[in-house]
Amino acid sequence: MKQLKVTLAKSLIDQKQSLKRTARALGLRRIGATRVHADTAVIRGMVFQVKHLLKVEEL
């Protein structure tokens, strides 16, 4: 199964609360935090919401 490596590249300061919650649900708490997730529609949707704050790689 494909996986996505998601890294928080920009700060969550001054972002909407919903975007902060989405990043937190992805397991990203601070800049530079990296998590690997299964490539599912749910994860893709969450990544799409905060794509301007993330760096994403397919594994």
PDB file of N, CA and C in Angstrom:
ATOM      1  N   MET A   1       0.841  -1.181   0.000  1.00  0.00           N
ATOM      2  CA  MET A   1       0.000   0.000   0.000  1.00  0.00           C
ATOM      3  C   MET A   1       0.886   1.246   0.000  1.00  0.00           C
ATOM      4  N   LYS A   2       0.496   2.250  -0.768  1.00  0.00           N
ATOM      5  CA  LYS A   2       1.246   3.496  -0.821  1.00  0.00           C
ATOM      6  C   LYS A   2       1.139   4.228   0.510  1.00  0.00           C
ATOM      7  N   GLN A   3       2.154   5.048   0.753  1.00  0.00           N
ATOM      8  CA  GLN A   3       2.162   5.842   1.973  1.00  0.00           C
ATOM      9  C   GLN A   3       2.531   7.279   1.641  1.00  0.00           C
ATOM     10  N   LEU A   4       2.128   8.186   2.513  1.00  0.00           N
ATOM     11  CA  LEU A   4       2.453   9.600   2.374  1.00  0.00           C
ATOM     12  C   LEU A   4       3.309  10.031   3.554  1.00  0.00           C
ATOM     13  N   LYS A   5       4.410  10.700   3.266  1.00  0.00           N
ATOM     14  CA  LYS A   5       5.252  11.291   4.306  1.00  0.00           C
ATOM     15  C   LYS A   5       4.882  12.765   4.367  1.00  0.00           C
ATOM     16  N   VAL A   6       4.325  13.190   5.494  1.00  0.00           N
ATOM     17  CA  VAL A   6       3.796  14.544   5.651  1.00  0.00           C
ATOM     18  C   VAL A   6       4.658  15.294   6.667  1.00  0.00           C
ATOM     19  N   THR A   7       5.146  16.472   6.272  1.00  0.00           N
ATOM     20  CA  THR A   7       5.987  17.297   7.140  1.00  0.00           C
ATOM     21  C   THR A   7       5.373  18.681   7.265  1.00  0.00           C
ATOM     22  N   LEU A   8       5.273  19.174   8.495  1.00  0.00           N
ATOM     23  CA  LEU A   8       4.772  20.528   8.721  1.00  0.00           C
ATOM     24  C   LEU A   8       5.899  21.510   8.407  1.00  0.00           C
ATOM     25  N   ALA A   9       5.710  22.325   7.354  1.00  0.00           N
ATOM     26  CA  ALA A   9       6.759  23.224   6.879  1.00  0.00           C
ATOM     27  C   ALA A   9       6.568  24.656   7.361  1.00  0.00           C
ATOM     28  N   LYS A  10       5.344  25.033   7.676  1.00  0.00           N
ATOM     29  CA  LYS A  10       5.068  26.402   8.110  1.00  0.00           C
ATOM     30  C   LYS A  10       4.321  26.379   9.436  1.00  0.00           C
ATOM     31  N   SER A  11       4.367  27.501  10.126  1.00  0.00           N
ATOM     32  CA  SER A  11       3.787  27.615  11.458  1.00  0.00           C
ATOM     33  C   SER A  11       2.260  27.605  11.433  1.00  0.00           C
ATOM     34  N   LEU A  12       1.680  27.128  12.519  1.00  0.00           N
ATOM     35  CA  LEU A  12       0.230  27.133  12.685  1.00  0.00           C
ATOM     36  C   LEU A  12      -0.262  28.404  13.373  1.00  0.00           C
ATOM     37  N   ILE A  13       0.669  29.277  13.756  1.00  0.00           N
ATOM     38  CA  ILE A  13       0.281  30.542  14.382  1.00  0.00           C
ATOM     39  C   ILE A  13      -0.519  31.369  13.384  1.00  0.00           C
ATOM     40  N   ASP A  14      -1.580  31.982  13.847  1.00  0.00           N
ATOM     41  CA  ASP A  14      -2.444  32.848  13.044  1.00  0.00           C
ATOM     42  C   ASP A  14      -3.206  32.081  11.962  1.00  0.00           C
ATOM     43  N   GLN A  15      -3.408  30.779  12.160  1.00  0.00           N
ATOM     44  CA  GLN A  15      -4.237  29.977  11.261  1.00  0.00           C
ATOM     45  C   GLN A  15      -5.588  29.754  11.927  1.00  0.00           C
ATOM     46  N   LYS A  16      -6.587  29.436  11.125  1.00  0.00           N
ATOM     47  CA  LYS A  16      -7.914  29.152  11.672  1.00  0.00           C
ATOM     48  C   LYS A  16      -7.845  27.931  12.580  1.00  0.00           C
ATOM     49  N   GLN A  17      -8.722  27.899  13.554  1.00  0.00           N
ATOM     50  CA  GLN A  17      -8.751  26.797  14.515  1.00  0.00           C
ATOM     51  C   GLN A  17      -8.968  25.455  13.818  1.00  0.00           C
ATOM     52  N   SER A  18      -9.797  25.439  12.780  1.00  0.00           N
ATOM     53  CA  SER A  18     -10.067  24.186  12.070  1.00  0.00           C
ATOM     54  C   SER A  18      -8.802  23.652  11.391  1.00  0.00           C
ATOM     55  N   LEU A  19      -7.952  24.531  10.881  1.00  0.00           N
ATOM     56  CA  LEU A  19      -6.702  24.094  10.255  1.00  0.00           C
ATOM     57  C   LEU A  19      -5.728  23.574  11.302  1.00  0.00           C
ATOM     58  N   LYS A  20      -5.710  24.206  12.466  1.00  0.00           N
ATOM     59  CA  LYS A  20      -4.858  23.728  13.560  1.00  0.00           C
ATOM     60  C   LYS A  20      -5.280  22.331  13.988  1.00  0.00           C
ATOM     61  N   ARG A  21      -6.604  22.113  14.072  1.00  0.00           N
ATOM     62  CA  ARG A  21      -7.113  20.797  14.475  1.00  0.00           C
ATOM     63  C   ARG A  21      -6.780  19.738  13.430  1.00  0.00           C
ATOM     64  N   THR A  22      -6.854  20.102  12.160  1.00  0.00           N
ATOM     65  CA  THR A  22      -6.539  19.157  11.092  1.00  0.00           C
ATOM     66  C   THR A  22      -5.069  18.756  11.149  1.00  0.00           C
ATOM     67  N   ALA A  23      -4.180  19.730  11.325  1.00  0.00           N
ATOM     68  CA  ALA A  23      -2.749  19.432  11.431  1.00  0.00           C
ATOM     69  C   ALA A  23      -2.478  18.559  12.654  1.00  0.00           C
ATOM     70  N   ARG A  24      -3.150  18.850  13.755  1.00  0.00           N
ATOM     71  CA  ARG A  24      -2.979  18.058  14.980  1.00  0.00           C
ATOM     72  C   ARG A  24      -3.462  16.620  14.766  1.00  0.00           C
ATOM     73  N   ALA A  25      -4.566  16.461  14.030  1.00  0.00           N
ATOM     74  CA  ALA A  25      -5.096  15.127  13.747  1.00  0.00           C
ATOM     75  C   ALA A  25      -4.142  14.325  12.861  1.00  0.00           C
ATOM     76  N   LEU A  26      -3.356  15.019  12.057  1.00  0.00           N
ATOM     77  CA  LEU A  26      -2.343  14.346  11.238  1.00  0.00           C
ATOM     78  C   LEU A  26      -1.102  14.002  12.062  1.00  0.00           C
ATOM     79  N   GLY A  27      -1.072  14.443  13.312  1.00  0.00           N
ATOM     80  CA  GLY A  27       0.057  14.147  14.191  1.00  0.00           C
ATOM     81  C   GLY A  27       1.174  15.164  14.097  1.00  0.00           C
ATOM     82  N   LEU A  28       0.861  16.353  13.573  1.00  0.00           N
ATOM     83  CA  LEU A  28       1.875  17.389  13.380  1.00  0.00           C
ATOM     84  C   LEU A  28       1.686  18.478  14.425  1.00  0.00           C
ATOM     85  N   ARG A  29       2.640  18.589  15.333  1.00  0.00           N
ATOM     86  CA  ARG A  29       2.509  19.546  16.432  1.00  0.00           C
ATOM     87  C   ARG A  29       3.428  20.744  16.280  1.00  0.00           C
ATOM     88  N   ARG A  30       4.601  20.549  15.698  1.00  0.00           N
ATOM     89  CA  ARG A  30       5.548  21.659  15.571  1.00  0.00           C
ATOM     90  C   ARG A  30       6.200  21.624  14.188  1.00  0.00           C
ATOM     91  N   ILE A  31       6.797  22.741  13.820  1.00  0.00           N
ATOM     92  CA  ILE A  31       7.449  22.843  12.513  1.00  0.00           C
ATOM     93  C   ILE A  31       8.542  21.780  12.414  1.00  0.00           C
ATOM     94  N   GLY A  32       8.569  21.091  11.292  1.00  0.00           N
ATOM     95  CA  GLY A  32       9.555  20.042  11.077  1.00  0.00           C
ATOM     96  C   GLY A  32       9.073  18.666  11.488  1.00  0.00           C
ATOM     97  N   ALA A  33       7.926  18.591  12.147  1.00  0.00           N
ATOM     98  CA  ALA A  33       7.376  17.296  12.557  1.00  0.00           C
ATOM     99  C   ALA A  33       6.989  16.503  11.313  1.00  0.00           C
ATOM    100  N   THR A  34       7.328  15.220  11.293  1.00  0.00           N
ATOM    101  CA  THR A  34       7.062  14.363  10.140  1.00  0.00           C
ATOM    102  C   THR A  34       6.317  13.124  10.585  1.00  0.00           C
ATOM    103  N   ARG A  35       5.316  12.738   9.798  1.00  0.00           N
ATOM    104  CA  ARG A  35       4.555  11.517  10.064  1.00  0.00           C
ATOM    105  C   ARG A  35       4.349  10.788   8.746  1.00  0.00           C
ATOM    106  N   VAL A  36       4.248   9.475   8.821  1.00  0.00           N
ATOM    107  CA  VAL A  36       3.958   8.659   7.645  1.00  0.00           C
ATOM    108  C   VAL A  36       2.566   8.079   7.827  1.00  0.00           C
ATOM    109  N   HIS A  37       1.714   8.299   6.822  1.00  0.00           N
ATOM    110  CA  HIS A  37       0.335   7.830   6.859  1.00  0.00           C
ATOM    111  C   HIS A  37       0.049   6.981   5.636  1.00  0.00           C
ATOM    112  N   ALA A  38      -0.912   6.075   5.760  1.00  0.00           N
ATOM    113  CA  ALA A  38      -1.390   5.319   4.604  1.00  0.00           C
ATOM    114  C   ALA A  38      -2.062   6.286   3.640  1.00  0.00           C
ATOM    115  N   ASP A  39      -1.914   6.024   2.349  1.00  0.00           N
ATOM    116  CA  ASP A  39      -2.476   6.901   1.319  1.00  0.00           C
ATOM    117  C   ASP A  39      -3.942   6.543   1.104  1.00  0.00           C
ATOM    118  N   THR A  40      -4.811   7.129   1.937  1.00  0.00           N
ATOM    119  CA  THR A  40      -6.250   6.889   1.829  1.00  0.00           C
ATOM    120  C   THR A  40      -6.953   8.191   1.480  1.00  0.00           C
ATOM    121  N   ALA A  41      -8.210   8.090   1.097  1.00  0.00           N
ATOM    122  CA  ALA A  41      -8.995   9.271   0.739  1.00  0.00           C
ATOM    123  C   ALA A  41      -9.143  10.213   1.929  1.00  0.00           C
ATOM    124  N   VAL A  42      -9.282   9.665   3.115  1.00  0.00           N
ATOM    125  CA  VAL A  42      -9.437  10.483   4.321  1.00  0.00           C
ATOM    126  C   VAL A  42      -8.178  11.313   4.568  1.00  0.00           C
ATOM    127  N   ILE A  43      -7.021  10.677   4.515  1.00  0.00           N
ATOM    128  CA  ILE A  43      -5.756  11.378   4.737  1.00  0.00           C
ATOM    129  C   ILE A  43      -5.515  12.399   3.632  1.00  0.00           C
ATOM    130  N   ARG A  44      -5.809  12.031   2.385  1.00  0.00           N
ATOM    131  CA  ARG A  44      -5.648  12.966   1.263  1.00  0.00           C
ATOM    132  C   ARG A  44      -6.507  14.215   1.467  1.00  0.00           C
ATOM    133  N   GLY A  45      -7.723  14.037   1.963  1.00  0.00           N
ATOM    134  CA  GLY A  45      -8.606  15.170   2.215  1.00  0.00           C
ATOM    135  C   GLY A  45      -8.060  16.081   3.291  1.00  0.00           C
ATOM    136  N   MET A  46      -7.506  15.483   4.351  1.00  0.00           N
ATOM    137  CA  MET A  46      -6.925  16.281   5.428  1.00  0.00           C
ATOM    138  C   MET A  46      -5.699  17.043   4.930  1.00  0.00           C
ATOM    139  N   VAL A  47      -4.870  16.371   4.139  1.00  0.00           N
ATOM    140  CA  VAL A  47      -3.680  17.011   3.578  1.00  0.00           C
ATOM    141  C   VAL A  47      -4.093  18.158   2.660  1.00  0.00           C
ATOM    142  N   PHE A  48      -5.147  17.965   1.878  1.00  0.00           N
ATOM    143  CA  PHE A  48      -5.619  19.007   0.960  1.00  0.00           C
ATOM    144  C   PHE A  48      -6.029  20.268   1.710  1.00  0.00           C
ATOM    145  N   GLN A  49      -6.635  20.103   2.881  1.00  0.00           N
ATOM    146  CA  GLN A  49      -7.084  21.259   3.664  1.00  0.00           C
ATOM    147  C   GLN A  49      -5.926  22.132   4.138  1.00  0.00           C
ATOM    148  N   VAL A  50      -4.805  21.521   4.445  1.00  0.00           N
ATOM    149  CA  VAL A  50      -3.669  22.280   4.986  1.00  0.00           C
ATOM    150  C   VAL A  50      -2.446  22.203   4.069  1.00  0.00           C
ATOM    151  N   LYS A  51      -2.673  22.000   2.782  1.00  0.00           N
ATOM    152  CA  LYS A  51      -1.569  21.793   1.834  1.00  0.00           C
ATOM    153  C   LYS A  51      -0.600  22.968   1.781  1.00  0.00           C
ATOM    154  N   HIS A  52      -1.066  24.180   2.064  1.00  0.00           N
ATOM    155  CA  HIS A  52      -0.197  25.355   2.026  1.00  0.00           C
ATOM    156  C   HIS A  52       0.776  25.398   3.207  1.00  0.00           C
ATOM    157  N   LEU A  53       0.582  24.522   4.191  1.00  0.00           N
ATOM    158  CA  LEU A  53       1.453  24.477   5.366  1.00  0.00           C
ATOM    159  C   LEU A  53       2.373  23.257   5.363  1.00  0.00           C
ATOM    160  N   LEU A  54       2.170  22.332   4.421  1.00  0.00           N
ATOM    161  CA  LEU A  54       2.841  21.040   4.447  1.00  0.00           C
ATOM    162  C   LEU A  54       3.804  20.838   3.292  1.00  0.00           C
ATOM    163  N   LYS A  55       4.690  19.862   3.493  1.00  0.00           N
ATOM    164  CA  LYS A  55       5.496  19.296   2.424  1.00  0.00           C
ATOM    165  C   LYS A  55       5.130  17.815   2.404  1.00  0.00           C
ATOM    166  N   VAL A  56       4.710  17.302   1.247  1.00  0.00           N
ATOM    167  CA  VAL A  56       4.208  15.933   1.153  1.00  0.00           C
ATOM    168  C   VAL A  56       5.029  15.154   0.135  1.00  0.00           C
ATOM    169  N   GLU A  57       5.405  13.923   0.514  1.00  0.00           N
ATOM    170  CA  GLU A  57       6.127  13.025  -0.389  1.00  0.00           C
ATOM    171  C   GLU A  57       5.398  11.695  -0.431  1.00  0.00           C
ATOM    172  N   GLU A  58       5.348  11.086  -1.615  1.00  0.00           N
ATOM    173  CA  GLU A  58       4.782   9.741  -1.736  1.00  0.00           C
ATOM    174  C   GLU A  58       5.907   8.734  -1.567  1.00  0.00           C
ATOM    175  N   LEU A  59       5.664   7.724  -0.761  1.00  0.00           N
ATOM    176  CA  LEU A  59       6.662   6.669  -0.538  1.00  0.00           C
ATOM    177  C   LEU A  59       6.269   5.418  -1.290  1.00  0.00           C
TER     178      LEU A  59
END
